[in-house]
Amino acid sequence: MPVLDRINEHFGFHQKAIGLRAERQEVLSSNIANADTPGYKARDFSFSDAMQQAMEGSRRLPDVSLALTSSRHIPAKAHSTGGPETLLYRQPLQPSLDGNTVDMDVERVQFADNTLRYQTGLTVMSGRIKSLQSALQSQ
């Protein structure tokens, strides 16, 4: 097995985990940003399910285009690089009268937890890179 393939295999798990954490951070940020939007439904995904799918290598979302409600809107299209298969709707503990399901306490806790796990993943990855550099320099 070539050296580069072994290095890629060595970092593959952590690279995918960090990527999924970043994607989840975007979803949670969107929830927080829309906390006051009437009718907005909070979304999230199962990290463990998404990680399992990522390790199997079978994940890709369809491309998405924005609905234009005014002739002055700029048309846009998002091309997916393979996010979580399904974004789930978060079940509200106390639904609001305007139909918004964002619970800021839940979102803040999830955001902080995901941030901590993201930083931990980066620290582990950085430590592995430094140990590889040290091993290469000592030879």
N, C-alpha and C. Protein backbone atom coordinates (compact mmCIF):
# COMPACT_ATOMS: atom_id res chain seq x y z
N MET A 1 0.85 -1.18 0.00
CA MET A 1 0.00 0.00 0.00
C MET A 1 0.89 1.24 0.00
N PRO A 2 0.69 2.14 -0.97
CA PRO A 2 1.50 3.36 -1.02
C PRO A 2 1.35 4.20 0.26
N VAL A 3 2.39 4.95 0.55
CA VAL A 3 2.43 5.76 1.77
C VAL A 3 1.29 6.77 1.81
N LEU A 4 1.01 7.44 0.71
CA LEU A 4 -0.05 8.45 0.69
C LEU A 4 -1.42 7.84 0.97
N ASP A 5 -1.66 6.63 0.48
CA ASP A 5 -2.93 5.96 0.76
C ASP A 5 -3.06 5.65 2.24
N ARG A 6 -1.97 5.24 2.87
CA ARG A 6 -2.02 4.94 4.31
C ARG A 6 -2.23 6.21 5.12
N ILE A 7 -1.63 7.31 4.70
CA ILE A 7 -1.82 8.58 5.40
C ILE A 7 -3.27 9.04 5.24
N ASN A 8 -3.80 8.93 4.03
CA ASN A 8 -5.19 9.30 3.79
C ASN A 8 -6.14 8.45 4.63
N GLU A 9 -5.88 7.16 4.70
CA GLU A 9 -6.69 6.26 5.53
C GLU A 9 -6.58 6.62 7.01
N HIS A 10 -5.39 7.01 7.41
CA HIS A 10 -5.14 7.38 8.81
C HIS A 10 -5.95 8.61 9.23
N PHE A 11 -6.09 9.58 8.32
CA PHE A 11 -6.79 10.82 8.64
C PHE A 11 -8.24 10.84 8.18
N GLY A 12 -8.66 9.87 7.41
CA GLY A 12 -10.00 9.87 6.81
C GLY A 12 -11.13 10.02 7.80
N PHE A 13 -11.10 9.25 8.87
CA PHE A 13 -12.17 9.30 9.87
C PHE A 13 -12.30 10.68 10.47
N HIS A 14 -11.18 11.23 10.90
CA HIS A 14 -11.20 12.55 11.55
C HIS A 14 -11.59 13.65 10.57
N GLN A 15 -11.14 13.53 9.34
CA GLN A 15 -11.50 14.51 8.32
C GLN A 15 -13.01 14.52 8.09
N LYS A 16 -13.61 13.35 7.98
CA LYS A 16 -15.06 13.26 7.77
C LYS A 16 -15.82 13.76 9.00
N ALA A 17 -15.34 13.42 10.19
CA ALA A 17 -16.00 13.85 11.41
C ALA A 17 -15.98 15.38 11.53
N ILE A 18 -14.85 15.99 11.24
CA ILE A 18 -14.74 17.45 11.31
C ILE A 18 -15.65 18.10 10.26
N GLY A 19 -15.70 17.53 9.07
CA GLY A 19 -16.58 18.05 8.02
C GLY A 19 -18.05 17.98 8.42
N LEU A 20 -18.46 16.87 9.01
CA LEU A 20 -19.85 16.74 9.46
C LEU A 20 -20.16 17.70 10.60
N ARG A 21 -19.20 17.89 11.50
CA ARG A 21 -19.40 18.85 12.59
C ARG A 21 -19.59 20.25 12.03
N ALA A 22 -18.83 20.60 11.00
CA ALA A 22 -18.98 21.92 10.37
C ALA A 22 -20.35 22.06 9.73
N GLU A 23 -20.82 21.00 9.06
CA GLU A 23 -22.15 21.03 8.45
C GLU A 23 -23.24 21.17 9.51
N ARG A 24 -23.07 20.45 10.62
CA ARG A 24 -24.07 20.54 11.69
C ARG A 24 -24.06 21.94 12.30
N GLN A 25 -22.89 22.56 12.39
CA GLN A 25 -22.81 23.91 12.92
C GLN A 25 -23.61 24.88 12.04
N GLU A 26 -23.58 24.69 10.74
CA GLU A 26 -24.35 25.53 9.83
C GLU A 26 -25.85 25.34 10.05
N VAL A 27 -26.28 24.11 10.25
CA VAL A 27 -27.70 23.83 10.49
C VAL A 27 -28.14 24.48 11.79
N LEU A 28 -27.34 24.32 12.85
CA LEU A 28 -27.70 24.90 14.15
C LEU A 28 -27.66 26.43 14.09
N SER A 29 -26.71 26.99 13.35
CA SER A 29 -26.65 28.45 13.18
C SER A 29 -27.89 28.97 12.48
N SER A 30 -28.35 28.22 11.49
CA SER A 30 -29.56 28.60 10.77
C SER A 30 -30.76 28.60 11.70
N ASN A 31 -30.84 27.62 12.57
CA ASN A 31 -31.93 27.57 13.55
C ASN A 31 -31.90 28.80 14.44
N ILE A 32 -30.73 29.14 14.94
CA ILE A 32 -30.60 30.28 15.85
C ILE A 32 -30.93 31.58 15.11
N ALA A 33 -30.46 31.70 13.88
CA ALA A 33 -30.72 32.91 13.10
C ALA A 33 -32.20 33.10 12.81
N ASN A 34 -32.95 32.01 12.75
CA ASN A 34 -34.38 32.09 12.42
C ASN A 34 -35.27 31.93 13.65
N ALA A 35 -34.74 32.21 14.83
CA ALA A 35 -35.51 32.04 16.06
C ALA A 35 -36.76 32.90 16.10
N ASP A 36 -36.76 34.02 15.40
CA ASP A 36 -37.92 34.93 15.41
C ASP A 36 -38.72 34.89 14.11
N THR A 37 -38.40 33.95 13.23
CA THR A 37 -39.10 33.85 11.95
C THR A 37 -40.38 33.04 12.13
N PRO A 38 -41.53 33.64 11.91
CA PRO A 38 -42.79 32.90 12.07
C PRO A 38 -42.85 31.69 11.12
N GLY A 39 -43.24 30.55 11.67
CA GLY A 39 -43.41 29.34 10.88
C GLY A 39 -42.13 28.57 10.62
N TYR A 40 -40.98 29.07 11.08
CA TYR A 40 -39.71 28.36 10.84
C TYR A 40 -39.67 27.09 11.66
N LYS A 41 -39.25 26.01 11.05
CA LYS A 41 -39.14 24.72 11.73
C LYS A 41 -37.66 24.41 11.96
N ALA A 42 -37.28 24.23 13.23
CA ALA A 42 -35.90 23.92 13.58
C ALA A 42 -35.51 22.57 13.00
N ARG A 43 -34.27 22.49 12.47
CA ARG A 43 -33.78 21.27 11.82
C ARG A 43 -32.50 20.81 12.50
N ASP A 44 -32.19 19.55 12.34
CA ASP A 44 -30.95 18.97 12.84
C ASP A 44 -30.76 17.64 12.14
N PHE A 45 -29.64 16.98 12.35
CA PHE A 45 -29.45 15.63 11.84
C PHE A 45 -28.71 14.80 12.85
N SER A 46 -28.86 13.50 12.73
CA SER A 46 -28.19 12.57 13.62
C SER A 46 -26.74 12.45 13.20
N PHE A 47 -25.83 12.91 14.05
CA PHE A 47 -24.42 12.88 13.71
C PHE A 47 -23.93 11.45 13.53
N SER A 48 -24.36 10.55 14.40
CA SER A 48 -23.88 9.16 14.30
C SER A 48 -24.34 8.51 13.01
N ASP A 49 -25.59 8.75 12.60
CA ASP A 49 -26.08 8.19 11.33
C ASP A 49 -25.33 8.79 10.15
N ALA A 50 -25.12 10.10 10.18
CA ALA A 50 -24.40 10.77 9.09
C ALA A 50 -22.95 10.29 9.02
N MET A 51 -22.33 10.06 10.17
CA MET A 51 -20.95 9.58 10.19
C MET A 51 -20.87 8.18 9.61
N GLN A 52 -21.82 7.35 9.96
CA GLN A 52 -21.85 5.99 9.43
C GLN A 52 -22.01 6.02 7.91
N GLN A 53 -22.89 6.88 7.40
CA GLN A 53 -23.07 7.01 5.96
C GLN A 53 -21.82 7.56 5.29
N ALA A 54 -21.14 8.48 5.96
CA ALA A 54 -19.92 9.06 5.40
C ALA A 54 -18.82 8.01 5.30
N MET A 55 -18.72 7.15 6.30
CA MET A 55 -17.70 6.12 6.28
C MET A 55 -18.00 5.08 5.20
N GLU A 56 -19.28 4.88 4.90
CA GLU A 56 -19.66 3.96 3.83
C GLU A 56 -19.48 4.61 2.47
N GLY A 57 -19.39 5.95 2.46
CA GLY A 57 -19.15 6.68 1.22
C GLY A 57 -20.37 6.83 0.33
N SER A 58 -21.57 6.78 0.92
CA SER A 58 -22.78 6.84 0.08
C SER A 58 -23.68 7.98 0.49
N ARG A 59 -23.20 9.21 0.41
CA ARG A 59 -24.06 10.32 0.78
C ARG A 59 -23.92 11.47 -0.21
N ARG A 60 -25.04 11.95 -0.66
CA ARG A 60 -25.09 13.13 -1.51
C ARG A 60 -26.51 13.66 -1.53
N LEU A 61 -26.66 14.93 -1.27
CA LEU A 61 -27.97 15.58 -1.33
C LEU A 61 -28.22 16.10 -2.73
N PRO A 62 -29.49 16.18 -3.13
CA PRO A 62 -29.77 16.77 -4.43
C PRO A 62 -29.48 18.28 -4.41
N ASP A 63 -29.22 18.83 -5.60
CA ASP A 63 -29.00 20.26 -5.70
C ASP A 63 -30.28 21.01 -5.36
N VAL A 64 -30.14 22.22 -4.81
CA VAL A 64 -31.28 23.00 -4.36
C VAL A 64 -31.25 24.36 -5.03
N SER A 65 -32.42 24.85 -5.45
CA SER A 65 -32.49 26.21 -5.98
C SER A 65 -33.50 27.00 -5.15
N LEU A 66 -33.26 28.29 -5.04
CA LEU A 66 -34.11 29.15 -4.24
C LEU A 66 -35.38 29.53 -5.01
N ALA A 67 -36.48 29.63 -4.29
CA ALA A 67 -37.73 30.09 -4.91
C ALA A 67 -37.71 31.60 -4.97
N LEU A 68 -38.02 32.15 -6.12
CA LEU A 68 -38.02 33.60 -6.31
C LEU A 68 -39.44 34.11 -6.08
N THR A 69 -39.59 35.01 -5.13
CA THR A 69 -40.90 35.59 -4.84
C THR A 69 -41.03 37.02 -5.34
N SER A 70 -39.95 37.52 -5.93
CA SER A 70 -39.96 38.87 -6.48
C SER A 70 -39.05 38.90 -7.71
N SER A 71 -39.38 39.72 -8.66
CA SER A 71 -38.53 39.83 -9.85
C SER A 71 -37.18 40.46 -9.54
N ARG A 72 -37.06 41.08 -8.37
CA ARG A 72 -35.80 41.71 -7.97
C ARG A 72 -34.87 40.75 -7.23
N HIS A 73 -35.33 39.54 -6.93
CA HIS A 73 -34.48 38.56 -6.26
C HIS A 73 -33.42 38.03 -7.21
N ILE A 74 -32.30 37.66 -6.65
CA ILE A 74 -31.21 37.10 -7.44
C ILE A 74 -31.39 35.58 -7.46
N PRO A 75 -31.46 34.98 -8.64
CA PRO A 75 -31.59 33.52 -8.69
C PRO A 75 -30.32 32.85 -8.16
N ALA A 76 -30.49 31.79 -7.41
CA ALA A 76 -29.34 31.09 -6.84
C ALA A 76 -29.60 29.59 -6.82
N LYS A 77 -28.52 28.84 -6.89
CA LYS A 77 -28.61 27.39 -6.85
C LYS A 77 -27.46 26.88 -6.00
N ALA A 78 -27.76 25.96 -5.10
CA ALA A 78 -26.74 25.37 -4.24
C ALA A 78 -26.43 23.96 -4.73
N HIS A 79 -25.16 23.69 -4.90
CA HIS A 79 -24.72 22.37 -5.32
C HIS A 79 -24.18 21.65 -4.10
N SER A 80 -24.75 20.53 -3.79
CA SER A 80 -24.36 19.78 -2.61
C SER A 80 -23.10 18.98 -2.86
N THR A 81 -22.24 18.95 -1.85
CA THR A 81 -21.05 18.11 -1.91
C THR A 81 -21.24 16.84 -1.11
N GLY A 82 -22.44 16.63 -0.62
CA GLY A 82 -22.70 15.40 0.11
C GLY A 82 -22.97 15.62 1.57
N GLY A 83 -24.00 16.36 1.91
CA GLY A 83 -24.36 16.60 3.30
C GLY A 83 -25.12 15.43 3.88
N PRO A 84 -25.62 15.57 5.07
CA PRO A 84 -26.38 14.49 5.70
C PRO A 84 -27.58 14.11 4.83
N GLU A 85 -27.90 12.84 4.79
CA GLU A 85 -29.00 12.36 3.95
C GLU A 85 -30.32 13.05 4.28
N THR A 86 -30.64 13.14 5.55
CA THR A 86 -31.92 13.73 5.91
C THR A 86 -31.76 14.70 7.06
N LEU A 87 -32.29 15.89 6.86
CA LEU A 87 -32.38 16.84 7.96
C LEU A 87 -33.70 16.56 8.65
N LEU A 88 -33.63 16.35 9.93
CA LEU A 88 -34.83 16.04 10.70
C LEU A 88 -35.39 17.32 11.31
N TYR A 89 -36.69 17.32 11.53
CA TYR A 89 -37.32 18.45 12.23
C TYR A 89 -37.21 18.20 13.72
N ARG A 90 -36.80 19.24 14.46
CA ARG A 90 -36.69 19.12 15.91
C ARG A 90 -38.09 19.25 16.51
N GLN A 91 -38.42 18.37 17.43
CA GLN A 91 -39.72 18.41 18.09
C GLN A 91 -39.67 19.45 19.21
N PRO A 92 -40.55 20.45 19.15
CA PRO A 92 -40.51 21.52 20.16
C PRO A 92 -41.04 21.05 21.52
N LEU A 93 -40.42 21.56 22.59
CA LEU A 93 -40.92 21.28 23.93
C LEU A 93 -42.14 22.14 24.22
N GLN A 94 -42.10 23.39 23.76
CA GLN A 94 -43.22 24.30 23.91
C GLN A 94 -43.42 25.03 22.58
N PRO A 95 -44.34 24.55 21.76
CA PRO A 95 -44.56 25.21 20.46
C PRO A 95 -45.04 26.65 20.65
N SER A 96 -44.59 27.53 19.77
CA SER A 96 -45.01 28.92 19.85
C SER A 96 -46.28 29.13 19.03
N LEU A 97 -46.94 30.23 19.28
CA LEU A 97 -48.19 30.53 18.58
C LEU A 97 -47.98 30.82 17.09
N ASP A 98 -46.78 31.32 16.74
CA ASP A 98 -46.52 31.65 15.34
C ASP A 98 -46.00 30.46 14.52
N GLY A 99 -45.91 29.27 15.13
CA GLY A 99 -45.48 28.08 14.42
C GLY A 99 -43.98 27.86 14.38
N ASN A 100 -43.21 28.75 15.00
CA ASN A 100 -41.76 28.60 15.05
C ASN A 100 -41.42 27.54 16.09
N THR A 101 -40.54 26.58 15.74
CA THR A 101 -40.19 25.50 16.67
C THR A 101 -38.78 25.64 17.25
N VAL A 102 -38.15 26.79 17.08
CA VAL A 102 -36.80 26.99 17.61
C VAL A 102 -36.89 27.27 19.11
N ASP A 103 -36.23 26.43 19.89
CA ASP A 103 -36.11 26.64 21.34
C ASP A 103 -34.67 27.08 21.57
N MET A 104 -34.47 28.34 21.88
CA MET A 104 -33.12 28.90 21.97
C MET A 104 -32.25 28.19 23.00
N ASP A 105 -32.83 27.72 24.10
CA ASP A 105 -32.04 27.00 25.09
C ASP A 105 -31.48 25.71 24.50
N VAL A 106 -32.32 24.96 23.81
CA VAL A 106 -31.89 23.72 23.17
C VAL A 106 -30.84 24.00 22.10
N GLU A 107 -31.09 25.01 21.29
CA GLU A 107 -30.17 25.33 20.20
C GLU A 107 -28.81 25.77 20.73
N ARG A 108 -28.79 26.58 21.77
CA ARG A 108 -27.52 27.03 22.34
C ARG A 108 -26.72 25.87 22.91
N VAL A 109 -27.40 24.95 23.60
CA VAL A 109 -26.71 23.78 24.16
C VAL A 109 -26.15 22.92 23.03
N GLN A 110 -26.96 22.66 22.01
CA GLN A 110 -26.50 21.85 20.88
C GLN A 110 -25.34 22.53 20.15
N PHE A 111 -25.44 23.85 19.98
CA PHE A 111 -24.40 24.62 19.31
C PHE A 111 -23.09 24.54 20.10
N ALA A 112 -23.16 24.74 21.43
CA ALA A 112 -21.96 24.70 22.27
C ALA A 112 -21.36 23.30 22.28
N ASP A 113 -22.20 22.27 22.37
CA ASP A 113 -21.71 20.89 22.36
C ASP A 113 -21.03 20.56 21.04
N ASN A 114 -21.64 20.95 19.94
CA ASN A 114 -21.06 20.68 18.63
C ASN A 114 -19.75 21.45 18.44
N THR A 115 -19.70 22.69 18.94
CA THR A 115 -18.47 23.49 18.85
C THR A 115 -17.34 22.81 19.61
N LEU A 116 -17.64 22.33 20.81
CA LEU A 116 -16.63 21.65 21.63
C LEU A 116 -16.12 20.40 20.93
N ARG A 117 -17.02 19.63 20.36
CA ARG A 117 -16.62 18.40 19.66
C ARG A 117 -15.84 18.73 18.38
N TYR A 118 -16.19 19.79 17.70
CA TYR A 118 -15.46 20.23 16.51
C TYR A 118 -14.03 20.61 16.89
N GLN A 119 -13.89 21.41 17.95
CA GLN A 119 -12.56 21.82 18.42
C GLN A 119 -11.73 20.62 18.86
N THR A 120 -12.38 19.66 19.51
CA THR A 120 -11.69 18.45 19.94
C THR A 120 -11.17 17.68 18.72
N GLY A 121 -12.01 17.57 17.70
CA GLY A 121 -11.58 16.89 16.48
C GLY A 121 -10.38 17.57 15.84
N LEU A 122 -10.41 18.91 15.81
CA LEU A 122 -9.27 19.65 15.25
C LEU A 122 -8.00 19.44 16.07
N THR A 123 -8.15 19.40 17.39
CA THR A 123 -7.00 19.19 18.27
C THR A 123 -6.40 17.81 18.06
N VAL A 124 -7.24 16.79 17.95
CA VAL A 124 -6.76 15.43 17.72
C VAL A 124 -6.05 15.36 16.38
N MET A 125 -6.66 15.93 15.35
CA MET A 125 -6.06 15.91 14.01
C MET A 125 -4.72 16.64 14.02
N SER A 126 -4.66 17.79 14.67
CA SER A 126 -3.42 18.56 14.75
C SER A 126 -2.34 17.76 15.47
N GLY A 127 -2.70 17.08 16.54
CA GLY A 127 -1.74 16.25 17.28
C GLY A 127 -1.19 15.12 16.43
N ARG A 128 -2.06 14.51 15.63
CA ARG A 128 -1.60 13.42 14.75
C ARG A 128 -0.66 13.95 13.67
N ILE A 129 -0.96 15.11 13.14
CA ILE A 129 -0.10 15.70 12.11
C ILE A 129 1.27 16.03 12.71
N LYS A 130 1.26 16.60 13.91
CA LYS A 130 2.53 16.95 14.57
C LYS A 130 3.35 15.71 14.87
N SER A 131 2.70 14.62 15.28
CA SER A 131 3.46 13.40 15.57
C SER A 131 4.04 12.80 14.29
N LEU A 132 3.30 12.89 13.19
CA LEU A 132 3.83 12.42 11.90
C LEU A 132 5.01 13.28 11.46
N GLN A 133 4.90 14.60 11.63
CA GLN A 133 6.00 15.49 11.26
C GLN A 133 7.23 15.18 12.10
N SER A 134 7.01 14.95 13.37
CA SER A 134 8.13 14.64 14.27
C SER A 134 8.79 13.34 13.86
N ALA A 135 7.99 12.33 13.51
CA ALA A 135 8.55 11.06 13.08
C ALA A 135 9.34 11.20 11.78
N LEU A 136 8.83 12.01 10.85
CA LEU A 136 9.50 12.21 9.58
C LEU A 136 10.80 12.99 9.76
N GLN A 137 10.81 13.96 10.68
CA GLN A 137 12.01 14.76 10.89
C GLN A 137 13.11 13.98 11.61
N SER A 138 12.74 13.02 12.43
CA SER A 138 13.73 12.26 13.19
C SER A 138 14.43 11.21 12.32
N GLN A 139 13.89 10.95 11.13
CA GLN A 139 14.50 9.93 10.27
C GLN A 139 15.55 10.50 9.40
